[in-house]
Amino acid sequence: KANKEAYLLGGNTLPWYALGLSNASGMFD
């Protein structure tokens, strides 16, 4: 709820390996 970046982009604070795992999971449909 902090701002639009926090909602839409996670506040640009998420580590690259978590984003990579997330992107991989998103492709594992």
mmCIF file of all heavy atoms, coordinates in Angstrom:
data_MODEL
# 
_entry.id   MODEL 
# 
loop_
_atom_site.group_PDB 
_atom_site.id 
_atom_site.type_symbol 
_atom_site.label_atom_id 
_atom_site.label_alt_id 
_atom_site.label_comp_id 
_atom_site.label_asym_id 
_atom_site.label_entity_id 
_atom_site.label_seq_id 
_atom_site.pdbx_PDB_ins_code 
_atom_site.Cartn_x 
_atom_site.Cartn_y 
_atom_site.Cartn_z 
_atom_site.occupancy 
_atom_site.B_iso_or_equiv 
_atom_site.pdbx_formal_charge 
_atom_site.auth_seq_id 
_atom_site.auth_comp_id 
_atom_site.auth_asym_id 
_atom_site.auth_atom_id 
_atom_site.pdbx_PDB_model_num 
ATOM 1   N N   . LYS A 1 1  ? 0.803  -1.221  0.000   1.00 0.00 ? 1  LYS A N   1 
ATOM 2   C CA  . LYS A 1 1  ? 0.000  0.000   0.000   1.00 0.00 ? 1  LYS A CA  1 
ATOM 3   C C   . LYS A 1 1  ? 0.843  1.280   0.000   1.00 0.00 ? 1  LYS A C   1 
ATOM 4   O O   . LYS A 1 1  ? 0.316  2.371   -0.156  1.00 0.00 ? 1  LYS A O   1 
ATOM 5   C CB  . LYS A 1 1  ? -0.903 0.019   1.237   1.00 0.00 ? 1  LYS A CB  1 
ATOM 6   C CG  . LYS A 1 1  ? -2.151 -0.829  1.113   1.00 0.00 ? 1  LYS A CG  1 
ATOM 7   C CD  . LYS A 1 1  ? -3.003 -0.667  2.364   1.00 0.00 ? 1  LYS A CD  1 
ATOM 8   C CE  . LYS A 1 1  ? -4.349 -1.340  2.196   1.00 0.00 ? 1  LYS A CE  1 
ATOM 9   N NZ  . LYS A 1 1  ? -5.189 -1.190  3.402   1.00 0.00 ? 1  LYS A NZ  1 
ATOM 10  N N   . ALA A 1 2  ? 2.157  1.162   0.197   1.00 0.00 ? 2  ALA A N   1 
ATOM 11  C CA  . ALA A 1 2  ? 3.008  2.347   0.366   1.00 0.00 ? 2  ALA A CA  1 
ATOM 12  C C   . ALA A 1 2  ? 2.908  3.308   -0.810  1.00 0.00 ? 2  ALA A C   1 
ATOM 13  O O   . ALA A 1 2  ? 2.709  4.509   -0.639  1.00 0.00 ? 2  ALA A O   1 
ATOM 14  C CB  . ALA A 1 2  ? 4.459  1.910   0.587   1.00 0.00 ? 2  ALA A CB  1 
ATOM 15  N N   . ASN A 1 3  ? 3.041  2.803   -2.041  1.00 0.00 ? 3  ASN A N   1 
ATOM 16  C CA  . ASN A 1 3  ? 2.925  3.633   -3.243  1.00 0.00 ? 3  ASN A CA  1 
ATOM 17  C C   . ASN A 1 3  ? 2.820  2.700   -4.451  1.00 0.00 ? 3  ASN A C   1 
ATOM 18  O O   . ASN A 1 3  ? 2.841  1.475   -4.301  1.00 0.00 ? 3  ASN A O   1 
ATOM 19  C CB  . ASN A 1 3  ? 4.133  4.580   -3.404  1.00 0.00 ? 3  ASN A CB  1 
ATOM 20  C CG  . ASN A 1 3  ? 5.454  3.841   -3.292  1.00 0.00 ? 3  ASN A CG  1 
ATOM 21  O OD1 . ASN A 1 3  ? 5.653  2.804   -3.918  1.00 0.00 ? 3  ASN A OD1 1 
ATOM 22  N ND2 . ASN A 1 3  ? 6.359  4.360   -2.471  1.00 0.00 ? 3  ASN A ND2 1 
ATOM 23  N N   . LYS A 1 4  ? 2.704  3.287   -5.647  1.00 0.00 ? 4  LYS A N   1 
ATOM 24  C CA  . LYS A 1 4  ? 2.491  2.442   -6.831  1.00 0.00 ? 4  LYS A CA  1 
ATOM 25  C C   . LYS A 1 4  ? 3.718  1.563   -7.112  1.00 0.00 ? 4  LYS A C   1 
ATOM 26  O O   . LYS A 1 4  ? 3.582  0.432   -7.566  1.00 0.00 ? 4  LYS A O   1 
ATOM 27  C CB  . LYS A 1 4  ? 2.146  3.288   -8.053  1.00 0.00 ? 4  LYS A CB  1 
ATOM 28  C CG  . LYS A 1 4  ? 3.297  4.086   -8.646  1.00 0.00 ? 4  LYS A CG  1 
ATOM 29  C CD  . LYS A 1 4  ? 2.951  4.670   -10.007 1.00 0.00 ? 4  LYS A CD  1 
ATOM 30  C CE  . LYS A 1 4  ? 4.174  5.348   -10.622 1.00 0.00 ? 4  LYS A CE  1 
ATOM 31  N NZ  . LYS A 1 4  ? 3.938  5.856   -11.959 1.00 0.00 ? 4  LYS A NZ  1 
ATOM 32  N N   . GLU A 1 5  ? 4.941  2.084   -6.847  1.00 0.00 ? 5  GLU A N   1 
ATOM 33  C CA  . GLU A 1 5  ? 6.141  1.273   -7.074  1.00 0.00 ? 5  GLU A CA  1 
ATOM 34  C C   . GLU A 1 5  ? 6.175  0.069   -6.142  1.00 0.00 ? 5  GLU A C   1 
ATOM 35  O O   . GLU A 1 5  ? 6.577  -1.027  -6.534  1.00 0.00 ? 5  GLU A O   1 
ATOM 36  C CB  . GLU A 1 5  ? 7.415  2.119   -6.874  1.00 0.00 ? 5  GLU A CB  1 
ATOM 37  C CG  . GLU A 1 5  ? 7.725  3.091   -8.015  1.00 0.00 ? 5  GLU A CG  1 
ATOM 38  C CD  . GLU A 1 5  ? 6.831  4.329   -7.990  1.00 0.00 ? 5  GLU A CD  1 
ATOM 39  O OE1 . GLU A 1 5  ? 6.222  4.608   -6.916  1.00 0.00 ? 5  GLU A OE1 1 
ATOM 40  O OE2 . GLU A 1 5  ? 6.733  5.006   -9.021  1.00 0.00 ? 5  GLU A OE2 1 
ATOM 41  N N   . ALA A 1 6  ? 5.737  0.268   -4.891  1.00 0.00 ? 6  ALA A N   1 
ATOM 42  C CA  . ALA A 1 6  ? 5.713  -0.840  -3.936  1.00 0.00 ? 6  ALA A CA  1 
ATOM 43  C C   . ALA A 1 6  ? 4.752  -1.924  -4.397  1.00 0.00 ? 6  ALA A C   1 
ATOM 44  O O   . ALA A 1 6  ? 5.024  -3.119  -4.267  1.00 0.00 ? 6  ALA A O   1 
ATOM 45  C CB  . ALA A 1 6  ? 5.318  -0.333  -2.551  1.00 0.00 ? 6  ALA A CB  1 
ATOM 46  N N   . TYR A 1 7  ? 3.602  -1.514  -4.960  1.00 0.00 ? 7  TYR A N   1 
ATOM 47  C CA  . TYR A 1 7  ? 2.592  -2.476  -5.399  1.00 0.00 ? 7  TYR A CA  1 
ATOM 48  C C   . TYR A 1 7  ? 2.995  -3.154  -6.707  1.00 0.00 ? 7  TYR A C   1 
ATOM 49  O O   . TYR A 1 7  ? 2.948  -4.378  -6.829  1.00 0.00 ? 7  TYR A O   1 
ATOM 50  C CB  . TYR A 1 7  ? 1.241  -1.781  -5.567  1.00 0.00 ? 7  TYR A CB  1 
ATOM 51  C CG  . TYR A 1 7  ? 0.103  -2.735  -5.834  1.00 0.00 ? 7  TYR A CG  1 
ATOM 52  C CD1 . TYR A 1 7  ? -0.625 -3.282  -4.789  1.00 0.00 ? 7  TYR A CD1 1 
ATOM 53  C CD2 . TYR A 1 7  ? -0.229 -3.120  -7.130  1.00 0.00 ? 7  TYR A CD2 1 
ATOM 54  C CE1 . TYR A 1 7  ? -1.667 -4.182  -5.017  1.00 0.00 ? 7  TYR A CE1 1 
ATOM 55  C CE2 . TYR A 1 7  ? -1.250 -4.011  -7.374  1.00 0.00 ? 7  TYR A CE2 1 
ATOM 56  C CZ  . TYR A 1 7  ? -1.972 -4.536  -6.312  1.00 0.00 ? 7  TYR A CZ  1 
ATOM 57  O OH  . TYR A 1 7  ? -2.983 -5.424  -6.557  1.00 0.00 ? 7  TYR A OH  1 
ATOM 58  N N   . LEU A 1 8  ? 3.396  -2.351  -7.688  1.00 0.00 ? 8  LEU A N   1 
ATOM 59  C CA  . LEU A 1 8  ? 3.622  -2.885  -9.034  1.00 0.00 ? 8  LEU A CA  1 
ATOM 60  C C   . LEU A 1 8  ? 5.020  -3.453  -9.227  1.00 0.00 ? 8  LEU A C   1 
ATOM 61  O O   . LEU A 1 8  ? 5.230  -4.331  -10.063 1.00 0.00 ? 8  LEU A O   1 
ATOM 62  C CB  . LEU A 1 8  ? 3.361  -1.788  -10.082 1.00 0.00 ? 8  LEU A CB  1 
ATOM 63  C CG  . LEU A 1 8  ? 1.941  -1.201  -10.086 1.00 0.00 ? 8  LEU A CG  1 
ATOM 64  C CD1 . LEU A 1 8  ? 1.854  -0.055  -11.088 1.00 0.00 ? 8  LEU A CD1 1 
ATOM 65  C CD2 . LEU A 1 8  ? 0.913  -2.276  -10.416 1.00 0.00 ? 8  LEU A CD2 1 
ATOM 66  N N   . LEU A 1 9  ? 6.022  -2.950  -8.472  1.00 0.00 ? 9  LEU A N   1 
ATOM 67  C CA  . LEU A 1 9  ? 7.409  -3.369  -8.668  1.00 0.00 ? 9  LEU A CA  1 
ATOM 68  C C   . LEU A 1 9  ? 8.072  -3.872  -7.383  1.00 0.00 ? 9  LEU A C   1 
ATOM 69  O O   . LEU A 1 9  ? 9.292  -4.076  -7.355  1.00 0.00 ? 9  LEU A O   1 
ATOM 70  C CB  . LEU A 1 9  ? 8.238  -2.202  -9.240  1.00 0.00 ? 9  LEU A CB  1 
ATOM 71  C CG  . LEU A 1 9  ? 7.769  -1.596  -10.564 1.00 0.00 ? 9  LEU A CG  1 
ATOM 72  C CD1 . LEU A 1 9  ? 8.644  -0.408  -10.935 1.00 0.00 ? 9  LEU A CD1 1 
ATOM 73  C CD2 . LEU A 1 9  ? 7.788  -2.634  -11.682 1.00 0.00 ? 9  LEU A CD2 1 
ATOM 74  N N   . GLY A 1 10 ? 7.308  -4.049  -6.323  1.00 0.00 ? 10 GLY A N   1 
ATOM 75  C CA  . GLY A 1 10 ? 7.902  -4.497  -5.060  1.00 0.00 ? 10 GLY A CA  1 
ATOM 76  C C   . GLY A 1 10 ? 8.856  -3.480  -4.469  1.00 0.00 ? 10 GLY A C   1 
ATOM 77  O O   . GLY A 1 10 ? 9.739  -3.830  -3.674  1.00 0.00 ? 10 GLY A O   1 
ATOM 78  N N   . GLY A 1 11 ? 8.692  -2.196  -4.874  1.00 0.00 ? 11 GLY A N   1 
ATOM 79  C CA  . GLY A 1 11 ? 9.559  -1.136  -4.354  1.00 0.00 ? 11 GLY A CA  1 
ATOM 80  C C   . GLY A 1 11 ? 10.989 -1.227  -4.850  1.00 0.00 ? 11 GLY A C   1 
ATOM 81  O O   . GLY A 1 11 ? 11.891 -0.584  -4.299  1.00 0.00 ? 11 GLY A O   1 
ATOM 82  N N   . ASN A 1 12 ? 11.255 -2.024  -5.913  1.00 0.00 ? 12 ASN A N   1 
ATOM 83  C CA  . ASN A 1 12 ? 12.612 -2.251  -6.437  1.00 0.00 ? 12 ASN A CA  1 
ATOM 84  C C   . ASN A 1 12 ? 13.588 -2.668  -5.341  1.00 0.00 ? 12 ASN A C   1 
ATOM 85  O O   . ASN A 1 12 ? 14.756 -2.270  -5.325  1.00 0.00 ? 12 ASN A O   1 
ATOM 86  C CB  . ASN A 1 12 ? 13.144 -0.995  -7.158  1.00 0.00 ? 12 ASN A CB  1 
ATOM 87  C CG  . ASN A 1 12 ? 12.377 -0.683  -8.414  1.00 0.00 ? 12 ASN A CG  1 
ATOM 88  O OD1 . ASN A 1 12 ? 11.713 0.347   -8.498  1.00 0.00 ? 12 ASN A OD1 1 
ATOM 89  N ND2 . ASN A 1 12 ? 12.430 -1.563  -9.388  1.00 0.00 ? 12 ASN A ND2 1 
ATOM 90  N N   . THR A 1 13 ? 13.105 -3.491  -4.410  1.00 0.00 ? 13 THR A N   1 
ATOM 91  C CA  . THR A 1 13 ? 13.946 -3.961  -3.301  1.00 0.00 ? 13 THR A CA  1 
ATOM 92  C C   . THR A 1 13 ? 14.130 -5.474  -3.308  1.00 0.00 ? 13 THR A C   1 
ATOM 93  O O   . THR A 1 13 ? 14.871 -6.006  -2.489  1.00 0.00 ? 13 THR A O   1 
ATOM 94  C CB  . THR A 1 13 ? 13.325 -3.557  -1.942  1.00 0.00 ? 13 THR A CB  1 
ATOM 95  O OG1 . THR A 1 13 ? 12.021 -4.157  -1.832  1.00 0.00 ? 13 THR A OG1 1 
ATOM 96  C CG2 . THR A 1 13 ? 13.197 -2.047  -1.813  1.00 0.00 ? 13 THR A CG2 1 
ATOM 97  N N   . LEU A 1 14 ? 13.468 -6.167  -4.220  1.00 0.00 ? 14 LEU A N   1 
ATOM 98  C CA  . LEU A 1 14 ? 13.516 -7.635  -4.218  1.00 0.00 ? 14 LEU A CA  1 
ATOM 99  C C   . LEU A 1 14 ? 14.849 -8.137  -4.785  1.00 0.00 ? 14 LEU A C   1 
ATOM 100 O O   . LEU A 1 14 ? 15.335 -7.612  -5.798  1.00 0.00 ? 14 LEU A O   1 
ATOM 101 C CB  . LEU A 1 14 ? 12.360 -8.192  -5.052  1.00 0.00 ? 14 LEU A CB  1 
ATOM 102 C CG  . LEU A 1 14 ? 10.964 -7.861  -4.504  1.00 0.00 ? 14 LEU A CG  1 
ATOM 103 C CD1 . LEU A 1 14 ? 9.904  -8.101  -5.563  1.00 0.00 ? 14 LEU A CD1 1 
ATOM 104 C CD2 . LEU A 1 14 ? 10.670 -8.686  -3.253  1.00 0.00 ? 14 LEU A CD2 1 
ATOM 105 N N   . PRO A 1 15 ? 15.479 -9.137  -4.153  1.00 0.00 ? 15 PRO A N   1 
ATOM 106 C CA  . PRO A 1 15 ? 16.768 -9.642  -4.645  1.00 0.00 ? 15 PRO A CA  1 
ATOM 107 C C   . PRO A 1 15 ? 16.623 -10.346 -5.996  1.00 0.00 ? 15 PRO A C   1 
ATOM 108 O O   . PRO A 1 15 ? 15.583 -10.924 -6.299  1.00 0.00 ? 15 PRO A O   1 
ATOM 109 C CB  . PRO A 1 15 ? 17.207 -10.626 -3.553  1.00 0.00 ? 15 PRO A CB  1 
ATOM 110 C CG  . PRO A 1 15 ? 15.968 -10.976 -2.808  1.00 0.00 ? 15 PRO A CG  1 
ATOM 111 C CD  . PRO A 1 15 ? 15.044 -9.806  -2.920  1.00 0.00 ? 15 PRO A CD  1 
ATOM 112 N N   . TRP A 1 16 ? 17.705 -10.308 -6.792  1.00 0.00 ? 16 TRP A N   1 
ATOM 113 C CA  . TRP A 1 16 ? 17.648 -10.832 -8.161  1.00 0.00 ? 16 TRP A CA  1 
ATOM 114 C C   . TRP A 1 16 ? 17.343 -12.325 -8.189  1.00 0.00 ? 16 TRP A C   1 
ATOM 115 O O   . TRP A 1 16 ? 16.650 -12.801 -9.084  1.00 0.00 ? 16 TRP A O   1 
ATOM 116 C CB  . TRP A 1 16 ? 18.953 -10.542 -8.915  1.00 0.00 ? 16 TRP A CB  1 
ATOM 117 C CG  . TRP A 1 16 ? 20.196 -11.139 -8.325  1.00 0.00 ? 16 TRP A CG  1 
ATOM 118 C CD1 . TRP A 1 16 ? 21.052 -10.559 -7.436  1.00 0.00 ? 16 TRP A CD1 1 
ATOM 119 C CD2 . TRP A 1 16 ? 20.739 -12.447 -8.601  1.00 0.00 ? 16 TRP A CD2 1 
ATOM 120 N NE1 . TRP A 1 16 ? 22.081 -11.403 -7.133  1.00 0.00 ? 16 TRP A NE1 1 
ATOM 121 C CE2 . TRP A 1 16 ? 21.921 -12.572 -7.833  1.00 0.00 ? 16 TRP A CE2 1 
ATOM 122 C CE3 . TRP A 1 16 ? 20.345 -13.512 -9.403  1.00 0.00 ? 16 TRP A CE3 1 
ATOM 123 C CZ2 . TRP A 1 16 ? 22.708 -13.716 -7.856  1.00 0.00 ? 16 TRP A CZ2 1 
ATOM 124 C CZ3 . TRP A 1 16 ? 21.120 -14.657 -9.431  1.00 0.00 ? 16 TRP A CZ3 1 
ATOM 125 C CH2 . TRP A 1 16 ? 22.289 -14.755 -8.660  1.00 0.00 ? 16 TRP A CH2 1 
ATOM 126 N N   . TYR A 1 17 ? 17.844 -13.087 -7.210  1.00 0.00 ? 17 TYR A N   1 
ATOM 127 C CA  . TYR A 1 17 ? 17.602 -14.534 -7.228  1.00 0.00 ? 17 TYR A CA  1 
ATOM 128 C C   . TYR A 1 17 ? 16.137 -14.854 -6.930  1.00 0.00 ? 17 TYR A C   1 
ATOM 129 O O   . TYR A 1 17 ? 15.585 -15.819 -7.481  1.00 0.00 ? 17 TYR A O   1 
ATOM 130 C CB  . TYR A 1 17 ? 18.534 -15.262 -6.263  1.00 0.00 ? 17 TYR A CB  1 
ATOM 131 C CG  . TYR A 1 17 ? 18.593 -14.664 -4.875  1.00 0.00 ? 17 TYR A CG  1 
ATOM 132 C CD1 . TYR A 1 17 ? 17.656 -14.993 -3.903  1.00 0.00 ? 17 TYR A CD1 1 
ATOM 133 C CD2 . TYR A 1 17 ? 19.592 -13.752 -4.551  1.00 0.00 ? 17 TYR A CD2 1 
ATOM 134 C CE1 . TYR A 1 17 ? 17.707 -14.429 -2.640  1.00 0.00 ? 17 TYR A CE1 1 
ATOM 135 C CE2 . TYR A 1 17 ? 19.650 -13.185 -3.281  1.00 0.00 ? 17 TYR A CE2 1 
ATOM 136 C CZ  . TYR A 1 17 ? 18.707 -13.527 -2.330  1.00 0.00 ? 17 TYR A CZ  1 
ATOM 137 O OH  . TYR A 1 17 ? 18.749 -12.965 -1.088  1.00 0.00 ? 17 TYR A OH  1 
ATOM 138 N N   . ALA A 1 18 ? 15.493 -14.047 -6.066  1.00 0.00 ? 18 ALA A N   1 
ATOM 139 C CA  . ALA A 1 18 ? 14.062 -14.256 -5.798  1.00 0.00 ? 18 ALA A CA  1 
ATOM 140 C C   . ALA A 1 18 ? 13.239 -13.920 -7.042  1.00 0.00 ? 18 ALA A C   1 
ATOM 141 O O   . ALA A 1 18 ? 12.299 -14.641 -7.398  1.00 0.00 ? 18 ALA A O   1 
ATOM 142 C CB  . ALA A 1 18 ? 13.613 -13.408 -4.616  1.00 0.00 ? 18 ALA A CB  1 
ATOM 143 N N   . LEU A 1 19 ? 13.598 -12.823 -7.723  1.00 0.00 ? 19 LEU A N   1 
ATOM 144 C CA  . LEU A 1 19 ? 12.906 -12.449 -8.964  1.00 0.00 ? 19 LEU A CA  1 
ATOM 145 C C   . LEU A 1 19 ? 13.126 -13.510 -10.039 1.00 0.00 ? 19 LEU A C   1 
ATOM 146 O O   . LEU A 1 19 ? 12.211 -13.826 -10.809 1.00 0.00 ? 19 LEU A O   1 
ATOM 147 C CB  . LEU A 1 19 ? 13.401 -11.092 -9.458  1.00 0.00 ? 19 LEU A CB  1 
ATOM 148 C CG  . LEU A 1 19 ? 12.884 -9.865  -8.703  1.00 0.00 ? 19 LEU A CG  1 
ATOM 149 C CD1 . LEU A 1 19 ? 13.700 -8.627  -9.066  1.00 0.00 ? 19 LEU A CD1 1 
ATOM 150 C CD2 . LEU A 1 19 ? 11.412 -9.624  -9.004  1.00 0.00 ? 19 LEU A CD2 1 
ATOM 151 N N   . GLY A 1 20 ? 14.350 -14.062 -10.100 1.00 0.00 ? 20 GLY A N   1 
ATOM 152 C CA  . GLY A 1 20 ? 14.635 -15.117 -11.077 1.00 0.00 ? 20 GLY A CA  1 
ATOM 153 C C   . GLY A 1 20 ? 13.817 -16.367 -10.819 1.00 0.00 ? 20 GLY A C   1 
ATOM 154 O O   . GLY A 1 20 ? 13.242 -16.949 -11.747 1.00 0.00 ? 20 GLY A O   1 
ATOM 155 N N   . LEU A 1 21 ? 13.742 -16.794 -9.553  1.00 0.00 ? 21 LEU A N   1 
ATOM 156 C CA  . LEU A 1 21 ? 12.908 -17.941 -9.193  1.00 0.00 ? 21 LEU A CA  1 
ATOM 157 C C   . LEU A 1 21 ? 11.447 -17.670 -9.506  1.00 0.00 ? 21 LEU A C   1 
ATOM 158 O O   . LEU A 1 21 ? 10.718 -18.537 -9.996  1.00 0.00 ? 21 LEU A O   1 
ATOM 159 C CB  . LEU A 1 21 ? 13.060 -18.265 -7.711  1.00 0.00 ? 21 LEU A CB  1 
ATOM 160 C CG  . LEU A 1 21 ? 14.307 -19.031 -7.275  1.00 0.00 ? 21 LEU A CG  1 
ATOM 161 C CD1 . LEU A 1 21 ? 14.359 -19.145 -5.760  1.00 0.00 ? 21 LEU A CD1 1 
ATOM 162 C CD2 . LEU A 1 21 ? 14.339 -20.414 -7.905  1.00 0.00 ? 21 LEU A CD2 1 
ATOM 163 N N   . SER A 1 22 ? 11.012 -16.425 -9.223  1.00 0.00 ? 22 SER A N   1 
ATOM 164 C CA  . SER A 1 22 ? 9.626  -16.048 -9.486  1.00 0.00 ? 22 SER A CA  1 
ATOM 165 C C   . SER A 1 22 ? 9.325  -16.093 -10.978 1.00 0.00 ? 22 SER A C   1 
ATOM 166 O O   . SER A 1 22 ? 8.293  -16.624 -11.404 1.00 0.00 ? 22 SER A O   1 
ATOM 167 C CB  . SER A 1 22 ? 9.364  -14.647 -8.941  1.00 0.00 ? 22 SER A CB  1 
ATOM 168 O OG  . SER A 1 22 ? 8.089  -14.183 -9.318  1.00 0.00 ? 22 SER A OG  1 
ATOM 169 N N   . ASN A 1 23 ? 10.233 -15.552 -11.784 1.00 0.00 ? 23 ASN A N   1 
ATOM 170 C CA  . ASN A 1 23 ? 10.023 -15.544 -13.231 1.00 0.00 ? 23 ASN A CA  1 
ATOM 171 C C   . ASN A 1 23 ? 10.005 -16.967 -13.774 1.00 0.00 ? 23 ASN A C   1 
ATOM 172 O O   . ASN A 1 23 ? 9.186  -17.314 -14.637 1.00 0.00 ? 23 ASN A O   1 
ATOM 173 C CB  . ASN A 1 23 ? 11.137 -14.734 -13.909 1.00 0.00 ? 23 ASN A CB  1 
ATOM 174 C CG  . ASN A 1 23 ? 10.654 -13.995 -15.135 1.00 0.00 ? 23 ASN A CG  1 
ATOM 175 O OD1 . ASN A 1 23 ? 9.461  -13.901 -15.392 1.00 0.00 ? 23 ASN A OD1 1 
ATOM 176 N ND2 . ASN A 1 23 ? 11.584 -13.469 -15.902 1.00 0.00 ? 23 ASN A ND2 1 
ATOM 177 N N   . ALA A 1 24 ? 10.914 -17.817 -13.258 1.00 0.00 ? 24 ALA A N   1 
ATOM 178 C CA  . ALA A 1 24 ? 10.939 -19.219 -13.681 1.00 0.00 ? 24 ALA A CA  1 
ATOM 179 C C   . ALA A 1 24 ? 9.633  -19.916 -13.308 1.00 0.00 ? 24 ALA A C   1 
ATOM 180 O O   . ALA A 1 24 ? 9.063  -20.659 -14.111 1.00 0.00 ? 24 ALA A O   1 
ATOM 181 C CB  . ALA A 1 24 ? 12.125 -19.930 -13.028 1.00 0.00 ? 24 ALA A CB  1 
ATOM 182 N N   . SER A 1 25 ? 9.150  -19.646 -12.100 1.00 0.00 ? 25 SER A N   1 
ATOM 183 C CA  . SER A 1 25 ? 7.893  -20.262 -11.665 1.00 0.00 ? 25 SER A CA  1 
ATOM 184 C C   . SER A 1 25 ? 6.734  -19.810 -12.534 1.00 0.00 ? 25 SER A C   1 
ATOM 185 O O   . SER A 1 25 ? 5.841  -20.593 -12.870 1.00 0.00 ? 25 SER A O   1 
ATOM 186 C CB  . SER A 1 25 ? 7.606  -19.900 -10.200 1.00 0.00 ? 25 SER A CB  1 
ATOM 187 O OG  . SER A 1 25 ? 8.573  -20.456 -9.352  1.00 0.00 ? 25 SER A OG  1 
ATOM 188 N N   . GLY A 1 26 ? 6.740  -18.526 -12.907 1.00 0.00 ? 26 GLY A N   1 
ATOM 189 C CA  . GLY A 1 26 ? 5.684  -17.995 -13.762 1.00 0.00 ? 26 GLY A CA  1 
ATOM 190 C C   . GLY A 1 26 ? 5.642  -18.650 -15.131 1.00 0.00 ? 26 GLY A C   1 
ATOM 191 O O   . GLY A 1 26 ? 4.586  -18.748 -15.757 1.00 0.00 ? 26 GLY A O   1 
ATOM 192 N N   . MET A 1 27 ? 6.812  -19.133 -15.597 1.00 0.00 ? 27 MET A N   1 
ATOM 193 C CA  . MET A 1 27 ? 6.879  -19.801 -16.902 1.00 0.00 ? 27 MET A CA  1 
ATOM 194 C C   . MET A 1 27 ? 6.543  -21.291 -16.795 1.00 0.00 ? 27 MET A C   1 
ATOM 195 O O   . MET A 1 27 ? 6.363  -21.968 -17.801 1.00 0.00 ? 27 MET A O   1 
ATOM 196 C CB  . MET A 1 27 ? 8.279  -19.627 -17.497 1.00 0.00 ? 27 MET A CB  1 
ATOM 197 C CG  . MET A 1 27 ? 8.616  -18.186 -17.815 1.00 0.00 ? 27 MET A CG  1 
ATOM 198 S SD  . MET A 1 27 ? 10.334 -17.998 -18.326 1.00 0.00 ? 27 MET A SD  1 
ATOM 199 C CE  . MET A 1 27 ? 10.454 -16.205 -18.413 1.00 0.00 ? 27 MET A CE  1 
ATOM 200 N N   . PHE A 1 28 ? 6.485  -21.810 -15.568 1.00 0.00 ? 28 PHE A N   1 
ATOM 201 C CA  . PHE A 1 28 ? 6.211  -23.222 -15.315 1.00 0.00 ? 28 PHE A CA  1 
ATOM 202 C C   . PHE A 1 28 ? 4.699  -23.405 -15.190 1.00 0.00 ? 28 PHE A C   1 
ATOM 203 O O   . PHE A 1 28 ? 4.199  -23.883 -14.177 1.00 0.00 ? 28 PHE A O   1 
ATOM 204 C CB  . PHE A 1 28 ? 6.911  -23.627 -14.011 1.00 0.00 ? 28 PHE A CB  1 
ATOM 205 C CG  . PHE A 1 28 ? 7.301  -25.081 -13.949 1.00 0.00 ? 28 PHE A CG  1 
ATOM 206 C CD1 . PHE A 1 28 ? 8.484  -25.457 -13.331 1.00 0.00 ? 28 PHE A CD1 1 
ATOM 207 C CD2 . PHE A 1 28 ? 6.500  -26.073 -14.491 1.00 0.00 ? 28 PHE A CD2 1 
ATOM 208 C CE1 . PHE A 1 28 ? 8.852  -26.792 -13.246 1.00 0.00 ? 28 PHE A CE1 1 
ATOM 209 C CE2 . PHE A 1 28 ? 6.853  -27.398 -14.413 1.00 0.00 ? 28 PHE A CE2 1 
ATOM 210 C CZ  . PHE A 1 28 ? 8.047  -27.763 -13.786 1.00 0.00 ? 28 PHE A CZ  1 
ATOM 211 N N   . ASP A 1 29 ? 3.967  -23.015 -16.218 1.00 0.00 ? 29 ASP A N   1 
ATOM 212 C CA  . ASP A 1 29 ? 2.502  -23.014 -16.129 1.00 0.00 ? 29 ASP A CA  1 
ATOM 213 C C   . ASP A 1 29 ? 1.918  -24.367 -16.538 1.00 0.00 ? 29 ASP A C   1 
ATOM 214 O O   . ASP A 1 29 ? 2.560  -25.160 -17.219 1.00 0.00 ? 29 ASP A O   1 
ATOM 215 C CB  . ASP A 1 29 ? 1.915  -21.909 -17.015 1.00 0.00 ? 29 ASP A CB  1 
ATOM 216 C CG  . ASP A 1 29 ? 2.192  -22.175 -18.485 1.00 0.00 ? 29 ASP A CG  1 
ATOM 217 O OD1 . ASP A 1 29 ? 3.371  -22.284 -18.846 1.00 0.00 ? 29 ASP A OD1 1 
ATOM 218 O OD2 . ASP A 1 29 ? 1.238  -22.290 -19.262 1.00 0.00 ? 29 ASP A OD2 1 
# 
